[in-house]
């Protein structure tokens, strides 16, 4: 026997389904982060932040210079292909020198620093997790520990880890060396 649901019943079921869906997503997210993060020092519930990922250009002049260089390179290659397609022409192939952004000057660095100070929120204590609100993926997990409260063994482990990371950084390609 098929029973037709009235609109109030359908609305109630949809609300329950949406509530349960949200609860399932939250529990999945929490179990994922708890399984992947160290729980040793977490003494209280973490601060959870949902935010929209927003790209910022701290050095717009450098970005504009790189975009102009890329556009110029495209124009040169287009001209080369056009000349190459003509009969009885032998154009010289353009040089493919990598486009490397220049280092920012002091004024640009000061401008970027002031932008960061005005628009960014500083977290300096506790346990903070930041999620992308669109994809619900973990962006950052931060745990702040007071080093004055660490015992000698924990402090030695921390110093060993810092020394290891410092020595191993020469084997990691930095993000800033991206060649266009």
C-alpha atoms as a PDB file:
ATOM      1  CA  UNK A   1       0.000   0.000   0.000  1.00  0.00           C
ATOM      2  CA  UNK A   2       1.406   3.355  -1.020  1.00  0.00           C
ATOM      3  CA  UNK A   3       0.711   6.212   1.338  1.00  0.00           C
ATOM      4  CA  UNK A   4       0.966   9.741   0.042  1.00  0.00           C
ATOM      5  CA  UNK A   5       2.808  12.107   2.333  1.00  0.00           C
ATOM      6  CA  UNK A   6       1.421  15.532   2.988  1.00  0.00           C
ATOM      7  CA  UNK A   7       3.669  18.524   2.438  1.00  0.00           C
ATOM      8  CA  UNK A   8       4.279  18.996   6.176  1.00  0.00           C
ATOM      9  CA  UNK A   9       5.520  15.402   6.521  1.00  0.00           C
ATOM     10  CA  UNK A  10       7.812  15.770   3.494  1.00  0.00           C
ATOM     11  CA  UNK A  11       9.193  19.002   4.890  1.00  0.00           C
ATOM     12  CA  UNK A  12       9.784  17.366   8.281  1.00  0.00           C
ATOM     13  CA  UNK A  13      11.604  14.406   6.667  1.00  0.00           C
ATOM     14  CA  UNK A  14      13.735  16.714   4.541  1.00  0.00           C
ATOM     15  CA  UNK A  15      14.731  18.767   7.588  1.00  0.00           C
ATOM     16  CA  UNK A  16      15.652  15.605   9.523  1.00  0.00           C
ATOM     17  CA  UNK A  17      17.646  14.341   6.545  1.00  0.00           C
ATOM     18  CA  UNK A  18      19.512  17.641   6.231  1.00  0.00           C
ATOM     19  CA  UNK A  19      20.235  17.703   9.967  1.00  0.00           C
ATOM     20  CA  UNK A  20      21.533  14.148   9.903  1.00  0.00           C
ATOM     21  CA  UNK A  21      23.609  14.876   6.805  1.00  0.00           C
ATOM     22  CA  UNK A  22      25.245  17.827   8.538  1.00  0.00           C
ATOM     23  CA  UNK A  23      25.858  15.720  11.653  1.00  0.00           C
ATOM     24  CA  UNK A  24      27.413  12.904   9.562  1.00  0.00           C
ATOM     25  CA  UNK A  25      29.704  15.338   7.744  1.00  0.00           C
ATOM     26  CA  UNK A  26      30.792  16.910  11.029  1.00  0.00           C
ATOM     27  CA  UNK A  27      31.483  13.520  12.624  1.00  0.00           C
ATOM     28  CA  UNK A  28      33.413  12.342   9.548  1.00  0.00           C
ATOM     29  CA  UNK A  29      35.487  15.518   9.590  1.00  0.00           C
ATOM     30  CA  UNK A  30      36.183  15.236  13.305  1.00  0.00           C
ATOM     31  CA  UNK A  31      37.139  11.564  13.108  1.00  0.00           C
ATOM     32  CA  UNK A  32      39.435  12.277  10.149  1.00  0.00           C
ATOM     33  CA  UNK A  33      41.251  15.079  11.920  1.00  0.00           C
ATOM     34  CA  UNK A  34      41.460  13.125  15.183  1.00  0.00           C
ATOM     35  CA  UNK A  35      42.971  10.138  13.364  1.00  0.00           C
ATOM     36  CA  UNK A  36      45.542  12.210  11.481  1.00  0.00           C
ATOM     37  CA  UNK A  37      46.581  14.687  14.168  1.00  0.00           C
ATOM     38  CA  UNK A  38      48.503  14.177  17.369  1.00  0.00           C
ATOM     39  CA  UNK A  39      46.157  14.078  20.355  1.00  0.00           C
ATOM     40  CA  UNK A  40      48.771  14.045  23.093  1.00  0.00           C
ATOM     41  CA  UNK A  41      48.612  17.723  24.037  1.00  0.00           C
ATOM     42  CA  UNK A  42      44.957  18.446  23.226  1.00  0.00           C
ATOM     43  CA  UNK A  43      43.423  19.155  26.620  1.00  0.00           C
ATOM     44  CA  UNK A  44      40.340  21.039  25.483  1.00  0.00           C
ATOM     45  CA  UNK A  45      38.017  21.153  22.532  1.00  0.00           C
ATOM     46  CA  UNK A  46      39.698  22.785  19.532  1.00  0.00           C
ATOM     47  CA  UNK A  47      38.582  26.057  18.028  1.00  0.00           C
ATOM     48  CA  UNK A  48      37.088  25.137  14.655  1.00  0.00           C
ATOM     49  CA  UNK A  49      36.877  27.798  11.966  1.00  0.00           C
ATOM     50  CA  UNK A  50      35.120  27.534   8.608  1.00  0.00           C
ATOM     51  CA  UNK A  51      36.321  30.021   6.062  1.00  0.00           C
ATOM     52  CA  UNK A  52      36.119  30.676   2.356  1.00  0.00           C
ATOM     53  CA  UNK A  53      39.480  30.271   0.689  1.00  0.00           C
ATOM     54  CA  UNK A  54      40.393  33.592  -0.823  1.00  0.00           C
ATOM     55  CA  UNK A  55      43.525  34.099  -2.862  1.00  0.00           C
ATOM     56  CA  UNK A  56      45.398  37.302  -2.141  1.00  0.00           C
ATOM     57  CA  UNK A  57      48.064  38.951  -4.211  1.00  0.00           C
ATOM     58  CA  UNK A  58      50.476  40.577  -1.787  1.00  0.00           C
ATOM     59  CA  UNK A  59      52.715  41.857  -4.592  1.00  0.00           C
ATOM     60  CA  UNK A  60      50.414  42.979  -7.459  1.00  0.00           C
ATOM     61  CA  UNK A  61      53.165  44.861  -9.327  1.00  0.00           C
ATOM     62  CA  UNK A  62      55.302  41.726  -9.573  1.00  0.00           C
ATOM     63  CA  UNK A  63      52.286  39.689 -10.676  1.00  0.00           C
ATOM     64  CA  UNK A  64      51.489  42.260 -13.363  1.00  0.00           C
ATOM     65  CA  UNK A  65      55.087  42.191 -14.627  1.00  0.00           C
ATOM     66  CA  UNK A  66      55.003  38.389 -14.870  1.00  0.00           C
ATOM     67  CA  UNK A  67      51.631  38.445 -16.652  1.00  0.00           C
ATOM     68  CA  UNK A  68      52.977  41.028 -19.128  1.00  0.00           C
ATOM     69  CA  UNK A  69      56.055  38.872 -19.770  1.00  0.00           C
ATOM     70  CA  UNK A  70      53.864  35.809 -20.365  1.00  0.00           C
ATOM     71  CA  UNK A  71      51.605  37.775 -22.736  1.00  0.00           C
ATOM     72  CA  UNK A  72      54.661  39.082 -24.613  1.00  0.00           C
ATOM     73  CA  UNK A  73      56.026  35.545 -24.920  1.00  0.00           C
ATOM     74  CA  UNK A  74      52.679  34.348 -26.321  1.00  0.00           C
ATOM     75  CA  UNK A  75      52.676  37.180 -28.876  1.00  0.00           C
ATOM     76  CA  UNK A  76      56.221  36.321 -29.986  1.00  0.00           C
ATOM     77  CA  UNK A  77      55.402  32.618 -30.358  1.00  0.00           C
ATOM     78  CA  UNK A  78      52.185  33.416 -32.256  1.00  0.00           C
ATOM     79  CA  UNK A  79      54.149  35.635 -34.634  1.00  0.00           C
ATOM     80  CA  UNK A  80      56.765  32.877 -35.043  1.00  0.00           C
ATOM     81  CA  UNK A  81      54.121  30.239 -35.874  1.00  0.00           C
ATOM     82  CA  UNK A  82      52.440  32.590 -38.333  1.00  0.00           C
ATOM     83  CA  UNK A  83      55.729  33.295 -40.137  1.00  0.00           C
ATOM     84  CA  UNK A  84      56.656  29.614 -40.088  1.00  0.00           C
ATOM     85  CA  UNK A  85      53.390  28.646 -41.795  1.00  0.00           C
ATOM     86  CA  UNK A  86      54.200  30.893 -44.773  1.00  0.00           C
ATOM     87  CA  UNK A  87      56.007  29.299 -47.692  1.00  0.00           C
ATOM     88  CA  UNK A  88      59.659  30.113 -48.298  1.00  0.00           C
ATOM     89  CA  UNK A  89      60.151  31.663 -44.865  1.00  0.00           C
ATOM     90  CA  UNK A  90      62.658  30.557 -42.277  1.00  0.00           C
ATOM     91  CA  UNK A  91      62.044  32.564 -39.082  1.00  0.00           C
ATOM     92  CA  UNK A  92      64.319  32.242 -36.092  1.00  0.00           C
ATOM     93  CA  UNK A  93      62.852  30.339 -33.183  1.00  0.00           C
ATOM     94  CA  UNK A  94      62.232  32.546 -30.110  1.00  0.00           C
ATOM     95  CA  UNK A  95      64.327  31.891 -27.040  1.00  0.00           C
ATOM     96  CA  UNK A  96      62.519  30.044 -24.274  1.00  0.00           C
ATOM     97  CA  UNK A  97      64.080  31.705 -21.240  1.00  0.00           C
ATOM     98  CA  UNK A  98      62.182  30.949 -18.019  1.00  0.00           C
ATOM     99  CA  UNK A  99      60.194  33.826 -16.555  1.00  0.00           C
ATOM    100  CA  UNK A 100      61.252  34.256 -12.940  1.00  0.00           C
ATOM    101  CA  UNK A 101      59.471  36.870 -10.812  1.00  0.00           C
ATOM    102  CA  UNK A 102      61.720  39.501  -9.312  1.00  0.00           C
ATOM    103  CA  UNK A 103      62.186  39.876  -5.571  1.00  0.00           C
ATOM    104  CA  UNK A 104      59.968  42.526  -3.945  1.00  0.00           C
ATOM    105  CA  UNK A 105      61.545  45.796  -2.878  1.00  0.00           C
ATOM    106  CA  UNK A 106      61.278  47.268   0.624  1.00  0.00           C
ATOM    107  CA  UNK A 107      58.207  49.390  -0.133  1.00  0.00           C
ATOM    108  CA  UNK A 108      56.316  46.374  -1.506  1.00  0.00           C
ATOM    109  CA  UNK A 109      57.302  44.284   1.512  1.00  0.00           C
ATOM    110  CA  UNK A 110      56.101  47.030   3.875  1.00  0.00           C
ATOM    111  CA  UNK A 111      52.805  47.277   1.975  1.00  0.00           C
ATOM    112  CA  UNK A 112      52.290  43.502   2.157  1.00  0.00           C
ATOM    113  CA  UNK A 113      53.129  43.474   5.876  1.00  0.00           C
ATOM    114  CA  UNK A 114      50.611  46.228   6.606  1.00  0.00           C
ATOM    115  CA  UNK A 115      47.947  44.348   4.600  1.00  0.00           C
ATOM    116  CA  UNK A 116      48.615  41.192   6.623  1.00  0.00           C
ATOM    117  CA  UNK A 117      48.478  43.078   9.936  1.00  0.00           C
ATOM    118  CA  UNK A 118      45.166  44.734   9.030  1.00  0.00           C
ATOM    119  CA  UNK A 119      43.318  41.781   7.492  1.00  0.00           C
ATOM    120  CA  UNK A 120      44.628  38.630   9.177  1.00  0.00           C
ATOM    121  CA  UNK A 121      43.630  37.220  12.548  1.00  0.00           C
ATOM    122  CA  UNK A 122      46.414  36.123  14.885  1.00  0.00           C
ATOM    123  CA  UNK A 123      46.046  32.828  16.731  1.00  0.00           C
ATOM    124  CA  UNK A 124      48.592  32.394  19.491  1.00  0.00           C
ATOM    125  CA  UNK A 125      47.221  29.813  21.914  1.00  0.00           C
ATOM    126  CA  UNK A 126      45.204  26.598  22.104  1.00  0.00           C
ATOM    127  CA  UNK A 127      44.340  24.204  19.319  1.00  0.00           C
ATOM    128  CA  UNK A 128      42.922  25.679  16.099  1.00  0.00           C
ATOM    129  CA  UNK A 129      41.589  23.850  13.047  1.00  0.00           C
ATOM    130  CA  UNK A 130      40.668  25.742   9.872  1.00  0.00           C
ATOM    131  CA  UNK A 131      38.409  24.165   7.232  1.00  0.00           C
ATOM    132  CA  UNK A 132      37.473  25.294   3.727  1.00  0.00           C
ATOM    133  CA  UNK A 133      33.733  25.973   3.862  1.00  0.00           C
ATOM    134  CA  UNK A 134      33.198  24.987   0.220  1.00  0.00           C
ATOM    135  CA  UNK A 135      34.985  21.615   0.172  1.00  0.00           C
ATOM    136  CA  UNK A 136      34.996  20.931   3.932  1.00  0.00           C
ATOM    137  CA  UNK A 137      38.695  20.022   3.712  1.00  0.00           C
ATOM    138  CA  UNK A 138      41.254  20.736   6.391  1.00  0.00           C
ATOM    139  CA  UNK A 139      43.385  23.798   5.579  1.00  0.00           C
ATOM    140  CA  UNK A 140      45.382  24.116   8.776  1.00  0.00           C
ATOM    141  CA  UNK A 141      45.726  22.439  12.138  1.00  0.00           C
ATOM    142  CA  UNK A 142      47.652  24.455  14.694  1.00  0.00           C
ATOM    143  CA  UNK A 143      48.517  23.530  18.243  1.00  0.00           C
ATOM    144  CA  UNK A 144      50.305  26.032  20.435  1.00  0.00           C
ATOM    145  CA  UNK A 145      52.352  24.702  23.336  1.00  0.00           C
ATOM    146  CA  UNK A 146      54.059  26.828  25.960  1.00  0.00           C
ATOM    147  CA  UNK A 147      57.716  25.797  25.854  1.00  0.00           C
ATOM    148  CA  UNK A 148      58.283  26.924  29.430  1.00  0.00           C
ATOM    149  CA  UNK A 149      55.910  24.182  30.606  1.00  0.00           C
ATOM    150  CA  UNK A 150      57.702  21.383  28.700  1.00  0.00           C
ATOM    151  CA  UNK A 151      59.874  18.988  30.652  1.00  0.00           C
ATOM    152  CA  UNK A 152      63.494  18.290  29.631  1.00  0.00           C
ATOM    153  CA  UNK A 153      62.685  15.172  27.572  1.00  0.00           C
ATOM    154  CA  UNK A 154      59.965  16.882  25.539  1.00  0.00           C
ATOM    155  CA  UNK A 155      62.198  19.909  24.998  1.00  0.00           C
ATOM    156  CA  UNK A 156      65.032  17.666  23.742  1.00  0.00           C
ATOM    157  CA  UNK A 157      62.616  15.930  21.349  1.00  0.00           C
ATOM    158  CA  UNK A 158      61.414  19.317  20.107  1.00  0.00           C
ATOM    159  CA  UNK A 159      64.970  20.558  19.541  1.00  0.00           C
ATOM    160  CA  UNK A 160      65.858  17.322  17.713  1.00  0.00           C
ATOM    161  CA  UNK A 161      62.831  17.712  15.426  1.00  0.00           C
ATOM    162  CA  UNK A 162      63.691  21.357  14.686  1.00  0.00           C
ATOM    163  CA  UNK A 163      67.306  20.452  13.917  1.00  0.00           C
ATOM    164  CA  UNK A 164      66.196  17.611  11.632  1.00  0.00           C
ATOM    165  CA  UNK A 165      63.777  19.857   9.727  1.00  0.00           C
ATOM    166  CA  UNK A 166      66.414  22.569   9.414  1.00  0.00           C
ATOM    167  CA  UNK A 167      68.963  20.110   7.990  1.00  0.00           C
ATOM    168  CA  UNK A 168      66.420  18.427   5.695  1.00  0.00           C
ATOM    169  CA  UNK A 169      65.140  21.636   4.101  1.00  0.00           C
ATOM    170  CA  UNK A 170      67.931  21.600   1.511  1.00  0.00           C
ATOM    171  CA  UNK A 171      66.306  18.496  -0.008  1.00  0.00           C
ATOM    172  CA  UNK A 172      62.901  20.149  -0.403  1.00  0.00           C
ATOM    173  CA  UNK A 173      62.081  22.293  -3.416  1.00  0.00           C
ATOM    174  CA  UNK A 174      60.786  25.655  -2.229  1.00  0.00           C
ATOM    175  CA  UNK A 175      57.428  26.811  -3.536  1.00  0.00           C
ATOM    176  CA  UNK A 176      58.824  30.237  -4.431  1.00  0.00           C
ATOM    177  CA  UNK A 177      61.102  28.776  -7.116  1.00  0.00           C
ATOM    178  CA  UNK A 178      58.208  28.142  -9.485  1.00  0.00           C
ATOM    179  CA  UNK A 179      59.379  28.817 -13.035  1.00  0.00           C
ATOM    180  CA  UNK A 180      56.809  29.919 -15.598  1.00  0.00           C
END
